[in-house]
Amino acid sequence: MNLRVTAKSLMMGGLLLIGSGLLISCMPNTAAPVLQPRTPTTAPVRAEADPTATLRAALPPFTDGACLACHTDKDRLVALAKTPEETEALSEGPG
């Protein structure tokens, strides 16, 4: 008797899972909104639209080659680099 009830409950549970899966698979997909196509703009890009254009025109050209040479010299950067210090973790050591 006990085995029969268990078999019935397993069969009913399996049918419920299959039915639920079928119902869920029929639902509409709402994961992403429907995208609308963009309308092309034909207006020409004006120079005033770039806010950095006037700033770039006002700045003098870059002429300091010493900074650029120092920051791009690999041997100098390796020589000036600091080696990482070995720090003891809080969970290590005596205590």
N, C-alpha and C. Protein backbone atom coordinates (compact mmCIF):
# COMPACT_ATOMS: atom_id res chain seq x y z
N MET A 1 0.82 -1.19 0.00
CA MET A 1 0.00 0.00 0.00
C MET A 1 0.87 1.26 0.00
N ASN A 2 1.90 1.25 0.82
CA ASN A 2 2.78 2.41 0.94
C ASN A 2 3.53 2.66 -0.36
N LEU A 3 3.93 1.60 -1.03
CA LEU A 3 4.64 1.74 -2.29
C LEU A 3 3.72 2.28 -3.37
N ARG A 4 2.48 1.90 -3.36
CA ARG A 4 1.52 2.34 -4.36
C ARG A 4 1.24 3.84 -4.22
N VAL A 5 1.12 4.33 -3.01
CA VAL A 5 0.89 5.76 -2.78
C VAL A 5 2.10 6.56 -3.25
N THR A 6 3.27 6.06 -3.01
CA THR A 6 4.47 6.75 -3.43
C THR A 6 4.56 6.80 -4.95
N ALA A 7 4.23 5.73 -5.61
CA ALA A 7 4.26 5.72 -7.07
C ALA A 7 3.24 6.68 -7.64
N LYS A 8 2.05 6.73 -7.02
CA LYS A 8 1.02 7.67 -7.49
C LYS A 8 1.47 9.12 -7.29
N SER A 9 2.04 9.40 -6.14
CA SER A 9 2.46 10.78 -5.87
C SER A 9 3.61 11.18 -6.79
N LEU A 10 4.51 10.25 -7.10
CA LEU A 10 5.59 10.57 -8.03
C LEU A 10 5.05 10.82 -9.43
N MET A 11 4.06 10.02 -9.84
CA MET A 11 3.47 10.21 -11.16
C MET A 11 2.74 11.55 -11.25
N MET A 12 2.00 11.88 -10.22
CA MET A 12 1.28 13.16 -10.21
C MET A 12 2.26 14.34 -10.19
N GLY A 13 3.31 14.21 -9.42
CA GLY A 13 4.32 15.27 -9.37
C GLY A 13 5.00 15.46 -10.72
N GLY A 14 5.29 14.35 -11.39
CA GLY A 14 5.90 14.44 -12.71
C GLY A 14 4.98 15.08 -13.72
N LEU A 15 3.69 14.71 -13.67
CA LEU A 15 2.72 15.32 -14.58
C LEU A 15 2.56 16.82 -14.31
N LEU A 16 2.58 17.19 -13.04
CA LEU A 16 2.49 18.62 -12.70
C LEU A 16 3.70 19.39 -13.23
N LEU A 17 4.90 18.80 -13.11
CA LEU A 17 6.10 19.47 -13.62
C LEU A 17 6.06 19.61 -15.14
N ILE A 18 5.62 18.58 -15.82
CA ILE A 18 5.54 18.64 -17.29
C ILE A 18 4.50 19.67 -17.71
N GLY A 19 3.34 19.67 -17.04
CA GLY A 19 2.30 20.65 -17.36
C GLY A 19 2.75 22.07 -17.09
N SER A 20 3.44 22.28 -15.98
CA SER A 20 3.95 23.61 -15.67
C SER A 20 4.96 24.06 -16.71
N GLY A 21 5.81 23.16 -17.14
CA GLY A 21 6.81 23.50 -18.16
C GLY A 21 6.16 23.88 -19.47
N LEU A 22 5.11 23.15 -19.83
CA LEU A 22 4.40 23.49 -21.07
C LEU A 22 3.72 24.85 -20.98
N LEU A 23 3.12 25.15 -19.84
CA LEU A 23 2.47 26.45 -19.67
C LEU A 23 3.47 27.59 -19.67
N ILE A 24 4.60 27.39 -19.05
CA ILE A 24 5.62 28.44 -19.00
C ILE A 24 6.21 28.68 -20.38
N SER A 25 6.36 27.62 -21.16
CA SER A 25 6.95 27.79 -22.49
C SER A 25 6.02 28.54 -23.44
N CYS A 26 4.73 28.60 -23.14
CA CYS A 26 3.78 29.32 -23.99
C CYS A 26 3.70 30.81 -23.67
N MET A 27 4.35 31.25 -22.60
CA MET A 27 4.31 32.66 -22.22
C MET A 27 5.10 33.50 -23.21
N PRO A 28 4.69 34.76 -23.45
CA PRO A 28 5.46 35.61 -24.37
C PRO A 28 6.79 36.01 -23.74
N ASN A 29 7.78 36.20 -24.57
CA ASN A 29 9.10 36.61 -24.11
C ASN A 29 9.10 38.11 -23.88
N THR A 30 9.29 38.52 -22.63
CA THR A 30 9.34 39.95 -22.29
C THR A 30 10.71 40.32 -21.75
N ALA A 31 11.74 39.61 -22.16
CA ALA A 31 13.07 39.85 -21.63
C ALA A 31 13.65 41.19 -22.11
N ALA A 32 13.36 41.60 -23.31
CA ALA A 32 13.92 42.84 -23.84
C ALA A 32 12.82 43.63 -24.55
N PRO A 33 12.89 44.95 -24.49
CA PRO A 33 11.87 45.74 -25.17
C PRO A 33 12.06 45.68 -26.69
N VAL A 34 11.02 46.01 -27.40
CA VAL A 34 11.09 46.04 -28.86
C VAL A 34 11.83 47.31 -29.27
N LEU A 35 12.86 47.17 -30.05
CA LEU A 35 13.67 48.31 -30.46
C LEU A 35 13.04 49.01 -31.65
N GLN A 36 13.07 50.32 -31.61
CA GLN A 36 12.54 51.12 -32.70
C GLN A 36 13.70 51.58 -33.58
N PRO A 37 13.54 51.58 -34.90
CA PRO A 37 14.64 52.04 -35.76
C PRO A 37 14.86 53.55 -35.59
N ARG A 38 16.11 53.95 -35.69
CA ARG A 38 16.45 55.37 -35.58
C ARG A 38 16.17 56.08 -36.90
N THR A 39 15.81 57.32 -36.77
CA THR A 39 15.65 58.12 -37.98
C THR A 39 16.99 58.78 -38.28
N PRO A 40 17.47 58.70 -39.49
CA PRO A 40 18.78 59.28 -39.80
C PRO A 40 18.72 60.81 -39.77
N THR A 41 19.76 61.40 -39.22
CA THR A 41 19.84 62.86 -39.19
C THR A 41 20.69 63.31 -40.37
N THR A 42 20.22 64.30 -41.05
CA THR A 42 20.95 64.80 -42.21
C THR A 42 21.54 66.17 -41.94
N ALA A 43 21.39 66.67 -40.72
CA ALA A 43 21.93 67.99 -40.41
C ALA A 43 23.45 67.90 -40.32
N PRO A 44 24.18 68.83 -40.92
CA PRO A 44 25.64 68.80 -40.84
C PRO A 44 26.11 69.15 -39.43
N VAL A 45 27.23 68.57 -39.05
CA VAL A 45 27.81 68.84 -37.73
C VAL A 45 28.51 70.18 -37.79
N ARG A 46 28.11 71.07 -36.90
CA ARG A 46 28.71 72.41 -36.88
C ARG A 46 29.91 72.43 -35.94
N ALA A 47 30.81 73.35 -36.14
CA ALA A 47 32.00 73.47 -35.31
C ALA A 47 31.64 73.90 -33.89
N GLU A 48 30.54 74.65 -33.72
CA GLU A 48 30.14 75.09 -32.39
C GLU A 48 29.62 73.93 -31.55
N ALA A 49 29.25 72.82 -32.20
CA ALA A 49 28.73 71.68 -31.46
C ALA A 49 29.82 71.00 -30.65
N ASP A 50 31.09 71.16 -31.04
CA ASP A 50 32.20 70.56 -30.30
C ASP A 50 32.66 71.55 -29.23
N PRO A 51 32.37 71.32 -27.94
CA PRO A 51 32.74 72.28 -26.91
C PRO A 51 34.24 72.38 -26.68
N THR A 52 35.00 71.36 -27.07
CA THR A 52 36.44 71.41 -26.84
C THR A 52 37.20 72.07 -27.99
N ALA A 53 36.50 72.41 -29.06
CA ALA A 53 37.19 72.99 -30.22
C ALA A 53 37.80 74.34 -29.86
N THR A 54 37.08 75.19 -29.16
CA THR A 54 37.63 76.51 -28.80
C THR A 54 38.73 76.37 -27.77
N LEU A 55 38.60 75.41 -26.86
CA LEU A 55 39.63 75.21 -25.85
C LEU A 55 40.92 74.71 -26.50
N ARG A 56 40.80 73.76 -27.43
CA ARG A 56 41.99 73.25 -28.11
C ARG A 56 42.65 74.33 -28.95
N ALA A 57 41.88 75.23 -29.51
CA ALA A 57 42.45 76.29 -30.33
C ALA A 57 43.20 77.30 -29.46
N ALA A 58 42.77 77.47 -28.19
CA ALA A 58 43.39 78.45 -27.30
C ALA A 58 44.66 77.91 -26.65
N LEU A 59 44.82 76.59 -26.56
CA LEU A 59 46.00 76.02 -25.90
C LEU A 59 47.20 76.04 -26.83
N PRO A 60 48.38 76.35 -26.28
CA PRO A 60 49.58 76.31 -27.12
C PRO A 60 49.94 74.85 -27.43
N PRO A 61 50.63 74.59 -28.51
CA PRO A 61 51.01 73.21 -28.84
C PRO A 61 52.00 72.65 -27.83
N PHE A 62 52.01 71.34 -27.66
CA PHE A 62 52.90 70.67 -26.72
C PHE A 62 54.32 70.72 -27.24
N THR A 63 55.23 71.30 -26.43
CA THR A 63 56.62 71.41 -26.86
C THR A 63 57.60 70.85 -25.84
N ASP A 64 57.14 70.45 -24.64
CA ASP A 64 58.04 69.97 -23.59
C ASP A 64 58.38 68.51 -23.84
N GLY A 65 59.47 68.28 -24.52
CA GLY A 65 59.89 66.92 -24.85
C GLY A 65 60.57 66.22 -23.69
N ALA A 66 61.03 66.97 -22.66
CA ALA A 66 61.73 66.35 -21.54
C ALA A 66 60.78 65.46 -20.74
N CYS A 67 59.58 65.91 -20.49
CA CYS A 67 58.60 65.10 -19.74
C CYS A 67 58.25 63.85 -20.53
N LEU A 68 58.01 64.03 -21.80
CA LEU A 68 57.65 62.91 -22.64
C LEU A 68 58.79 61.90 -22.71
N ALA A 69 60.01 62.36 -22.81
CA ALA A 69 61.16 61.45 -22.88
C ALA A 69 61.34 60.70 -21.57
N CYS A 70 61.13 61.37 -20.43
CA CYS A 70 61.30 60.73 -19.13
C CYS A 70 60.22 59.68 -18.89
N HIS A 71 58.99 60.00 -19.23
CA HIS A 71 57.89 59.08 -18.95
C HIS A 71 57.81 57.92 -19.93
N THR A 72 58.52 57.99 -21.02
CA THR A 72 58.50 56.89 -21.99
C THR A 72 59.81 56.12 -22.02
N ASP A 73 60.77 56.48 -21.16
CA ASP A 73 62.06 55.78 -21.10
C ASP A 73 61.89 54.54 -20.21
N LYS A 74 61.90 53.36 -20.81
CA LYS A 74 61.63 52.13 -20.07
C LYS A 74 62.71 51.86 -19.04
N ASP A 75 63.99 52.06 -19.37
CA ASP A 75 65.07 51.77 -18.43
C ASP A 75 64.96 52.67 -17.19
N ARG A 76 64.64 53.94 -17.39
CA ARG A 76 64.51 54.86 -16.26
C ARG A 76 63.30 54.48 -15.40
N LEU A 77 62.21 54.07 -16.03
CA LEU A 77 61.03 53.67 -15.26
C LEU A 77 61.30 52.42 -14.44
N VAL A 78 62.04 51.47 -14.99
CA VAL A 78 62.38 50.26 -14.25
C VAL A 78 63.30 50.59 -13.09
N ALA A 79 64.25 51.50 -13.30
CA ALA A 79 65.19 51.86 -12.23
C ALA A 79 64.49 52.61 -11.10
N LEU A 80 63.49 53.41 -11.41
CA LEU A 80 62.80 54.19 -10.39
C LEU A 80 61.64 53.45 -9.74
N ALA A 81 61.29 52.31 -10.26
CA ALA A 81 60.13 51.57 -9.73
C ALA A 81 60.42 51.06 -8.33
N LYS A 82 59.42 51.13 -7.47
CA LYS A 82 59.55 50.61 -6.11
C LYS A 82 59.12 49.15 -6.11
N THR A 83 59.88 48.34 -5.39
CA THR A 83 59.51 46.93 -5.28
C THR A 83 58.41 46.81 -4.22
N PRO A 84 57.44 45.94 -4.44
CA PRO A 84 56.36 45.79 -3.46
C PRO A 84 56.90 45.20 -2.17
N GLU A 85 56.47 45.77 -1.05
CA GLU A 85 56.92 45.30 0.26
C GLU A 85 56.11 44.09 0.67
N GLU A 86 56.79 43.15 1.31
CA GLU A 86 56.12 41.95 1.82
C GLU A 86 55.41 42.35 3.11
N THR A 87 54.09 42.34 3.09
CA THR A 87 53.33 42.68 4.30
C THR A 87 52.75 41.40 4.88
N GLU A 88 52.77 41.34 6.20
CA GLU A 88 52.28 40.16 6.88
C GLU A 88 50.76 40.27 6.98
N ALA A 89 50.09 39.22 6.60
CA ALA A 89 48.62 39.22 6.68
C ALA A 89 48.20 39.21 8.14
N LEU A 90 47.02 39.73 8.42
CA LEU A 90 46.54 39.79 9.79
C LEU A 90 46.29 38.41 10.38
N SER A 91 46.05 37.43 9.55
CA SER A 91 45.77 36.09 10.08
C SER A 91 47.04 35.27 10.26
N GLU A 92 48.20 35.82 9.94
CA GLU A 92 49.45 35.09 10.07
C GLU A 92 50.22 35.58 11.27
N GLY A 93 51.20 34.81 11.68
CA GLY A 93 52.09 35.21 12.75
C GLY A 93 51.66 34.68 14.10
N PRO A 94 52.41 35.04 15.14
CA PRO A 94 52.10 34.52 16.48
C PRO A 94 50.82 35.14 17.03
N GLY A 95 50.16 34.38 17.86
CA GLY A 95 48.98 34.95 18.53
C GLY A 95 47.80 34.29 18.12
